[in-house]
Every structure is written in C-alpha cells, then in structure tokens.
Amino acid sequence: MAAQNNAPLPNGLEIAGYRIVKKIASGGFSIVYLAYDADGNAVAIKEYLPSALALRQTGDLVPDISAANLPIFRIGLKCFFEEGRALARIAHTNVVRVLNFFRANETVYMVMAYESGASLQDYIQRQRTKGLKLSEGFIRQNFIQVLNGLREVHANKLLHLDLKPANIYLRTDGTPLLLDFGAARQTFNADQPKLTPMYTPGFAPPELYSKHGNLGPWTDIYSIGASLFACMVGAPPQPADQRHDVDKMEQHYTQMEQTYSAELVKLVRWCLATDILARPQSVFALQKVLQAAPPAPAPMLAPEAPVGASTLARWSDQLRGLAGRLGAGRKKNDVNATNTLQP
C-alpha cells in the first residue's frame, strides 16, 4: 500500500474544546498540531491518520478509507487509543504527558502537554554544523534522565519501540523528554493478518525485522545504544539487517574511543549486540554504567624547571671538591695498605 499525502486540519478549527493553531509535525502515521485549550493553554494534539490506510483531501475533515483498509485502520486506531490511555497514567518529568484523548472525524486524537524546545536530532545536527561533537558529560547526563523515563514506561508494561534522537525532545531548560511512542505505529502485512511494529533503520534491533521477533525491554535498549551512537558519531549505526551479513561496527567503536571513554564505548557496544541475550536485560543496568564517572586521565608530570648557569657552576665546584677528598682518601689508604704489607 503506497503512502498518501494527507491534508492537515485547517488552522483555526474548533474541535472538542480545542482550537487548532497550526500543524507542527507529520509523518506516515500521524499529524501533530499546536492548539489551545479553553483556558488558553498551549497543547500538542496528535491525530491518528496512517497515510498508507487513509486519505484526506484539502477541505475535508473525515478521511476516506477504503473497505479493504477499514479493518486494519480500526485495529490500529484501537491500539492508538489504548496507548494514549496507558500513557495518561504515567506522570514523569522525562515522559510526554498525555492530558486527554477523544474521538472525532472518525479517528482518534491524543492531547499532550506542549513543551518548547527542539529534538535531540536537531541539536546533534546543529553541533555538527559548527564542527563540534557532543561532550561525554552532556551525553551521560541526558541519557541518565532518558533512562529514568524509560524505566517508568517499562514499569507500566509499555515499550517505546521507536527510540531515536528525533523522538527525544530537549526542553528549553535542557531536560530530555520521551515522545512519539511507536507501540501503536503499525503496518499491515499481507501474508499474515496481524499488526507488526514499524521501525527506523539503524535504530531498530533485529527482532523488529522479524514477524516473530521476541520484543521486550531489550528491544528499547538496543535503540538506546543506537541513539547514544548517533550522539557520538553524528549518524545512526549500521542497520541491524545488514550487520547479519557484514558487520562494520567494530571500526566505528575504535574511532569512538579516540574521543570518548572506553567505558562509554563498551556500553554502546553492549546495547547494540544483535543477540538479544547478549544485551542488557534492564534499563537499571545501563544507568549504573552511565552514573559512574569515567576514570580520570593519568595526571601529567609537571616539567622540571630549567637549571641556571650559576647552579651548574655551584654543582660543578661541589663535585670537584668531593672528587678531591675522595682522591686524598684513596692515597692515604694506599700508604696504609703498603705499610701493612711490608715485613
């Protein structure tokens, strides 16, 4: 099924007590709008509108969904609704806050707290444009907080399934926020009547490429490793499906150690293991490594002060005097030894 370009809701539209200001993001799965509630508070509203299943023309509110696509559209809609309800139970500073969700225009809308800032992906690109790399301190501090949020998500029996720098939002105060969960991001598989998660190449582990992949916390952990890698290198790692044939990651790890501590590189390598059992099995294990400060480099010895000519002359006189005394002593001993040996 080919993706279609869906028209966003018109600016100024009043819907369920919210006024749409403008579209702020869109993708193959949904459209996100900036809106205001009845009290004038800014909110972000995500509209479930998978472009592979539904088409909305300019001027329309209700999308056109073919009879063939309708069953799968409704299943995805149900997943989206249930995900919103689950996220609404989570109140954590590092997880997007879901305030409300409602049905309208034969689809579902998720209302979230609006935050000023930019994505981690945008921040990486800006730094790279300046010829700068992200510092290890910045990476450790931000991902400790990202993992705090992810632990809360996993504790609520949810998986993110689409972790990447584009889905890690940096508020204006620098604190990170997990958003755009992929648990309800689905696609129809024609030879198997079920929903399977979509994925982002480079950030998706091997199990997301498989129809029967074993998904769990380790799935998000692989994506955390890929996000760390992107922060350090400026680009995503080699896609997991390509690593099965020729794994080119080792050369990247070697280069990364020229800028970052061996401990941080080892952590990334651990997360990016293609074998599920070779990865960390819980977020807590990662946090312990990130919270441990990297070993300080060996202190450089201060260079000795240059020796002046007067000091050298004084040392030379002292050595000559010592040599003279030693010579006199040897002569006296030789005389004594000769007298002793005489009959």
Protein backbone atom coordinates (compact mmCIF):
# COMPACT_ATOMS: atom_id res chain seq x y z
CA MET A 1 0.00 0.00 0.00
CA ALA A 2 1.52 3.29 -1.10
CA ALA A 3 1.60 6.18 1.35
CA GLN A 4 -0.55 9.19 0.53
CA ASN A 5 -0.21 12.87 1.33
CA ASN A 6 -2.90 13.77 3.84
CA ALA A 7 -4.14 17.33 4.23
CA PRO A 8 -3.94 18.62 7.82
CA LEU A 9 -6.88 20.05 9.70
CA PRO A 10 -7.39 23.75 8.86
CA ASN A 11 -5.90 26.40 11.13
CA GLY A 12 -8.46 27.92 13.48
CA LEU A 13 -10.67 24.82 13.57
CA GLU A 14 -12.50 24.27 16.86
CA ILE A 15 -12.58 20.59 17.83
CA ALA A 16 -13.63 19.06 21.17
CA GLY A 17 -12.92 22.32 23.02
CA TYR A 18 -9.52 22.92 21.39
CA ARG A 19 -8.58 25.45 18.72
CA ILE A 20 -6.08 24.28 16.11
CA VAL A 21 -3.32 26.85 15.56
CA LYS A 22 -1.12 25.07 13.02
CA LYS A 23 0.44 21.76 12.03
CA ILE A 24 3.83 21.29 13.68
CA ALA A 25 4.78 17.77 12.53
CA SER A 26 3.58 14.97 10.31
CA GLY A 27 4.62 11.52 9.25
CA GLY A 28 3.32 8.32 7.80
CA PHE A 29 1.43 7.53 10.97
CA SER A 30 0.00 10.77 12.37
CA ILE A 31 -0.21 14.55 12.21
CA VAL A 32 0.64 16.74 15.21
CA TYR A 33 -0.86 20.18 15.77
CA LEU A 34 -0.23 23.10 18.09
CA ALA A 35 -3.56 24.05 19.69
CA TYR A 36 -5.02 25.97 22.63
CA ASP A 37 -7.48 24.66 25.18
CA ALA A 38 -10.44 26.61 26.56
CA ASP A 39 -8.20 28.28 29.16
CA GLY A 40 -5.67 29.44 26.59
CA ASN A 41 -3.03 26.82 27.46
CA ALA A 42 -0.90 25.51 24.60
CA VAL A 43 -1.22 21.79 23.90
CA ALA A 44 0.01 19.40 21.23
CA ILE A 45 -2.66 17.24 19.58
CA LYS A 46 -1.69 14.08 17.71
CA GLU A 47 -4.19 12.81 15.15
CA TYR A 48 -4.22 9.12 14.21
CA LEU A 49 -4.07 9.19 10.40
CA PRO A 50 -1.85 6.48 8.83
CA SER A 51 -1.13 7.62 5.31
CA ALA A 52 -0.98 4.05 3.99
CA LEU A 53 -4.58 3.41 5.04
CA ALA A 54 -6.45 6.71 4.89
CA LEU A 55 -6.62 9.73 2.58
CA ARG A 56 -7.91 13.20 3.45
CA GLN A 57 -8.23 15.86 0.81
CA THR A 58 -7.85 19.59 1.44
CA GLY A 59 -11.10 20.97 2.83
CA ASP A 60 -12.25 17.64 4.25
CA LEU A 61 -12.33 16.68 7.94
CA VAL A 62 -13.20 13.00 7.67
CA PRO A 63 -10.59 10.85 5.88
CA ASP A 64 -11.51 8.48 3.07
CA ILE A 65 -10.77 4.86 3.99
CA SER A 66 -11.38 2.04 1.54
CA ALA A 67 -13.41 -1.00 2.61
CA ALA A 68 -10.28 -3.15 2.27
CA ASN A 69 -8.29 -0.90 4.62
CA LEU A 70 -11.03 -0.25 7.15
CA PRO A 71 -10.48 -3.37 9.37
CA ILE A 72 -6.77 -2.71 9.80
CA PHE A 73 -7.38 1.03 10.28
CA ARG A 74 -9.76 0.25 13.14
CA ILE A 75 -7.33 -2.16 14.79
CA GLY A 76 -4.57 0.47 14.64
CA LEU A 77 -6.99 3.07 15.95
CA LYS A 78 -7.78 0.83 18.92
CA CYS A 79 -4.04 0.39 19.62
CA PHE A 80 -3.52 4.15 19.42
CA PHE A 81 -6.40 4.78 21.82
CA GLU A 82 -5.19 2.16 24.30
CA GLU A 83 -1.64 3.53 24.14
CA GLY A 84 -2.93 7.03 24.92
CA ARG A 85 -4.87 5.70 27.86
CA ALA A 86 -1.80 3.86 29.18
CA LEU A 87 0.45 6.90 28.74
CA ALA A 88 -2.10 9.04 30.56
CA ARG A 89 -1.35 7.01 33.70
CA ILE A 90 2.33 7.99 33.56
CA ALA A 91 3.33 11.20 35.28
CA HIS A 92 7.09 11.52 34.86
CA THR A 93 9.19 14.54 34.02
CA ASN A 94 11.00 12.66 31.24
CA VAL A 95 7.91 11.20 29.55
CA VAL A 96 5.45 13.17 27.44
CA ARG A 97 2.34 13.97 29.47
CA VAL A 98 -0.95 12.84 27.91
CA LEU A 99 -3.75 15.13 29.11
CA ASN A 100 -6.74 13.86 27.18
CA PHE A 101 -7.85 11.83 24.18
CA PHE A 102 -11.07 11.98 22.20
CA ARG A 103 -12.80 10.71 19.08
CA ALA A 104 -13.78 12.97 16.21
CA ASN A 105 -13.83 12.89 12.40
CA GLU A 106 -13.96 9.07 12.58
CA THR A 107 -10.49 8.89 14.11
CA VAL A 108 -8.80 9.45 17.50
CA TYR A 109 -6.85 12.41 18.89
CA MET A 110 -4.30 12.41 21.72
CA VAL A 111 -3.83 15.69 23.63
CA MET A 112 -0.40 16.21 25.19
CA ALA A 113 1.30 18.96 27.16
CA TYR A 114 3.12 21.30 24.79
CA GLU A 115 6.82 21.88 25.50
CA SER A 116 9.15 24.47 23.99
CA GLY A 117 12.45 23.16 22.74
CA ALA A 118 13.87 21.01 19.96
CA SER A 119 14.63 17.36 19.30
CA LEU A 120 17.96 15.80 20.20
CA GLN A 121 18.37 15.06 16.49
CA ASP A 122 18.16 18.78 15.68
CA TYR A 123 20.67 19.54 18.45
CA ILE A 124 23.14 16.95 17.08
CA GLN A 125 22.87 18.41 13.59
CA ARG A 126 23.41 21.97 14.81
CA GLN A 127 26.54 20.96 16.73
CA ARG A 128 27.90 19.03 13.78
CA THR A 129 27.30 22.01 11.51
CA LYS A 130 29.55 24.00 13.85
CA GLY A 131 32.19 21.26 13.69
CA LEU A 132 31.51 20.24 17.29
CA LYS A 133 30.91 16.88 18.92
CA LEU A 134 28.65 16.27 21.89
CA SER A 135 30.66 16.03 25.10
CA GLU A 136 30.63 12.84 27.13
CA GLY A 137 29.28 14.73 30.13
CA PHE A 138 26.32 16.01 28.09
CA ILE A 139 25.58 12.54 26.73
CA ARG A 140 25.77 10.83 30.12
CA GLN A 141 23.65 13.44 31.89
CA ASN A 142 20.91 13.44 29.26
CA PHE A 143 20.66 9.69 28.87
CA ILE A 144 20.54 9.12 32.62
CA GLN A 145 17.34 11.17 32.53
CA VAL A 146 16.08 9.46 29.36
CA LEU A 147 16.53 6.11 31.09
CA ASN A 148 14.65 7.40 34.13
CA GLY A 149 11.67 7.97 31.87
CA LEU A 150 12.10 4.67 30.05
CA ARG A 151 12.16 2.77 33.35
CA GLU A 152 8.80 4.29 34.19
CA VAL A 153 7.45 3.28 30.78
CA HIS A 154 8.63 -0.31 31.22
CA ALA A 155 7.25 -0.39 34.76
CA ASN A 156 3.84 0.33 33.23
CA LYS A 157 4.17 -2.68 30.90
CA LEU A 158 4.75 -0.48 27.84
CA LEU A 159 7.51 -0.47 25.23
CA HIS A 160 8.52 2.58 23.24
CA LEU A 161 9.59 0.69 20.08
CA ASP A 162 10.74 3.80 18.21
CA LEU A 163 13.51 5.32 20.32
CA LYS A 164 15.82 7.62 18.37
CA PRO A 165 17.20 11.17 18.73
CA ALA A 166 14.24 12.52 16.73
CA ASN A 167 11.91 11.19 19.44
CA ILE A 168 13.93 12.56 22.36
CA TYR A 169 12.90 16.16 22.92
CA LEU A 170 15.11 18.67 24.72
CA ARG A 171 13.15 21.29 26.61
CA THR A 172 14.49 24.83 26.72
CA ASP A 173 15.94 24.06 30.18
CA GLY A 174 17.86 21.12 28.69
CA THR A 175 15.88 18.28 30.28
CA PRO A 176 15.00 15.44 27.86
CA LEU A 177 11.52 14.14 27.16
CA LEU A 178 10.48 10.85 25.56
CA LEU A 179 7.77 11.29 22.97
CA ASP A 180 6.18 9.77 19.85
CA PHE A 181 5.83 6.23 21.12
CA GLY A 182 5.73 3.57 18.41
CA ALA A 183 3.76 0.84 20.17
CA ALA A 184 0.66 1.71 18.14
CA ARG A 185 2.64 2.52 14.99
CA GLN A 186 1.55 -0.39 12.87
CA THR A 187 1.56 -1.65 9.33
CA PHE A 188 -0.43 -4.35 7.61
CA ASN A 189 1.37 -7.50 6.50
CA ALA A 190 -0.50 -9.08 3.60
CA ASP A 191 0.67 -12.66 4.12
CA GLN A 192 -0.14 -12.61 7.83
CA PRO A 193 -3.33 -10.95 9.11
CA LYS A 194 -1.86 -9.18 12.11
CA LEU A 195 -0.23 -5.92 13.04
CA THR A 196 3.54 -5.68 13.29
CA PRO A 197 5.56 -2.68 14.52
CA MET A 198 7.19 -0.35 12.05
CA TYR A 199 10.83 0.51 12.60
CA THR A 200 13.53 3.07 11.81
CA PRO A 201 16.60 1.51 10.11
CA GLY A 202 19.73 1.92 12.21
CA PHE A 203 17.79 2.36 15.44
CA ALA A 204 15.75 -0.85 15.23
CA PRO A 205 17.09 -4.14 16.62
CA PRO A 206 16.99 -7.35 14.58
CA GLU A 207 13.82 -8.60 16.31
CA LEU A 208 11.81 -5.73 14.83
CA TYR A 209 12.67 -7.00 11.35
CA SER A 210 11.12 -10.37 12.10
CA LYS A 211 7.44 -11.31 12.07
CA HIS A 212 8.02 -13.44 15.14
CA GLY A 213 10.53 -11.21 16.91
CA ASN A 214 10.77 -11.51 20.69
CA LEU A 215 10.05 -7.97 21.87
CA GLY A 216 10.84 -6.76 25.37
CA PRO A 217 12.84 -4.15 27.33
CA TRP A 218 15.94 -5.33 25.45
CA THR A 219 14.31 -4.05 22.24
CA ASP A 220 14.24 -0.47 23.55
CA ILE A 221 17.74 -0.96 24.99
CA TYR A 222 19.14 -1.65 21.51
CA SER A 223 17.58 1.62 20.35
CA ILE A 224 19.11 3.45 23.34
CA GLY A 225 22.51 2.16 22.24
CA ALA A 226 21.83 3.32 18.68
CA SER A 227 20.80 6.76 19.97
CA LEU A 228 23.99 7.01 22.04
CA PHE A 229 25.95 6.02 18.94
CA ALA A 230 24.24 8.76 16.91
CA CYS A 231 25.17 11.32 19.57
CA MET A 232 28.81 10.26 19.45
CA VAL A 233 29.23 9.74 15.69
CA GLY A 234 26.61 12.09 14.26
CA ALA A 235 24.84 9.36 12.27
CA PRO A 236 22.89 6.18 13.06
CA PRO A 237 24.70 2.85 13.28
CA GLN A 238 24.69 0.26 10.52
CA PRO A 239 21.16 -1.19 10.12
CA ALA A 240 20.71 -4.45 12.00
CA ASP A 241 19.65 -6.45 8.95
CA GLN A 242 22.90 -5.53 7.18
CA ARG A 243 25.05 -6.45 10.18
CA HIS A 244 23.99 -10.08 9.78
CA ASP A 245 25.99 -10.30 6.53
CA VAL A 246 28.92 -7.91 7.10
CA ASP A 247 29.20 -6.20 10.48
CA LYS A 248 31.09 -2.92 10.10
CA MET A 249 30.56 -1.66 13.64
CA GLU A 250 33.97 -2.59 15.04
CA GLN A 251 35.77 0.15 13.10
CA HIS A 252 33.32 2.72 14.47
CA TYR A 253 33.91 1.60 18.06
CA THR A 254 37.67 2.01 17.56
CA GLN A 255 37.23 5.55 16.24
CA MET A 256 34.83 6.47 19.05
CA GLU A 257 37.48 5.59 21.67
CA GLN A 258 39.59 8.46 20.33
CA THR A 259 37.01 10.92 21.69
CA TYR A 260 35.05 9.08 24.37
CA SER A 261 35.94 6.88 27.33
CA ALA A 262 36.37 3.15 26.81
CA GLU A 263 33.58 2.61 29.36
CA LEU A 264 31.03 4.59 27.33
CA VAL A 265 32.02 2.88 24.08
CA LYS A 266 31.77 -0.50 25.81
CA LEU A 267 28.25 0.39 26.94
CA VAL A 268 27.20 1.25 23.38
CA ARG A 269 28.69 -2.00 22.10
CA TRP A 270 26.79 -3.91 24.82
CA CYS A 271 23.46 -2.32 23.89
CA LEU A 272 23.97 -2.90 20.17
CA ALA A 273 24.56 -6.64 20.44
CA THR A 274 22.49 -8.35 17.75
CA ASP A 275 21.88 -11.28 20.10
CA ILE A 276 19.04 -10.43 22.50
CA LEU A 277 20.64 -12.33 25.38
CA ALA A 278 23.96 -10.52 24.93
CA ARG A 279 22.33 -7.13 25.61
CA PRO A 280 21.47 -5.60 28.99
CA GLN A 281 18.12 -7.01 30.08
CA SER A 282 17.04 -3.98 32.09
CA VAL A 283 17.38 -0.21 31.98
CA PHE A 284 18.80 -0.22 35.51
CA ALA A 285 21.97 -1.97 34.30
CA LEU A 286 22.61 0.87 31.86
CA GLN A 287 22.01 3.57 34.41
CA LYS A 288 24.66 2.15 36.74
CA VAL A 289 27.27 2.46 34.00
CA LEU A 290 26.22 5.97 32.94
CA GLN A 291 26.15 7.24 36.51
CA ALA A 292 29.68 6.01 37.18
CA ALA A 293 32.12 8.76 36.29
CA PRO A 294 34.66 7.75 33.64
CA PRO A 295 38.18 7.22 35.01
CA ALA A 296 40.20 10.41 35.08
CA PRO A 297 43.17 10.50 32.70
CA ALA A 298 46.58 9.93 34.27
CA PRO A 299 47.97 13.24 35.56
CA MET A 300 50.77 14.72 33.50
CA LEU A 301 54.02 15.31 35.39
CA ALA A 302 54.97 18.97 35.53
CA PRO A 303 58.17 19.69 33.58
CA GLU A 304 61.19 20.39 35.72
CA ALA A 305 62.37 24.00 35.94
CA PRO A 306 65.43 24.74 33.75
CA VAL A 307 68.73 24.74 35.62
CA GLY A 308 70.58 28.07 35.61
CA ALA A 309 74.31 28.55 34.86
CA SER A 310 75.11 29.61 38.43
CA THR A 311 73.52 26.44 39.78
CA LEU A 312 75.52 24.30 37.35
CA ALA A 313 78.73 26.08 38.38
CA ARG A 314 77.98 25.50 42.08
CA TRP A 315 77.25 21.81 41.45
CA SER A 316 80.48 21.54 39.42
CA ASP A 317 82.58 23.07 42.29
CA GLN A 318 80.93 20.73 44.79
CA LEU A 319 81.65 17.70 42.61
CA ARG A 320 85.29 18.73 42.14
CA GLY A 321 85.68 19.18 45.90
CA LEU A 322 84.13 15.79 46.54
CA ALA A 323 86.38 14.18 43.95
CA GLY A 324 89.45 15.78 45.58
CA ARG A 325 88.52 14.47 49.02
CA LEU A 326 87.89 11.01 47.63
CA GLY A 327 91.27 11.08 45.84
CA ALA A 328 93.12 12.11 49.01
CA GLY A 329 91.43 9.38 50.93
CA ARG A 330 92.44 6.77 48.37
CA LYS A 331 96.12 7.85 48.56
CA LYS A 332 96.14 7.66 52.36
CA ASN A 333 94.59 4.22 52.26
CA ASP A 334 97.14 3.09 49.68
CA VAL A 335 100.01 4.20 52.00
CA ASN A 336 98.49 2.45 54.97
CA ALA A 337 97.95 -0.65 52.89
CA THR A 338 101.60 -0.58 51.74
CA ASN A 339 102.90 -0.16 55.32
CA THR A 340 100.72 -3.01 56.45
CA LEU A 341 102.04 -5.32 53.75
CA GLN A 342 105.70 -4.52 54.47
CA PRO A 343 107.54 -7.22 56.58
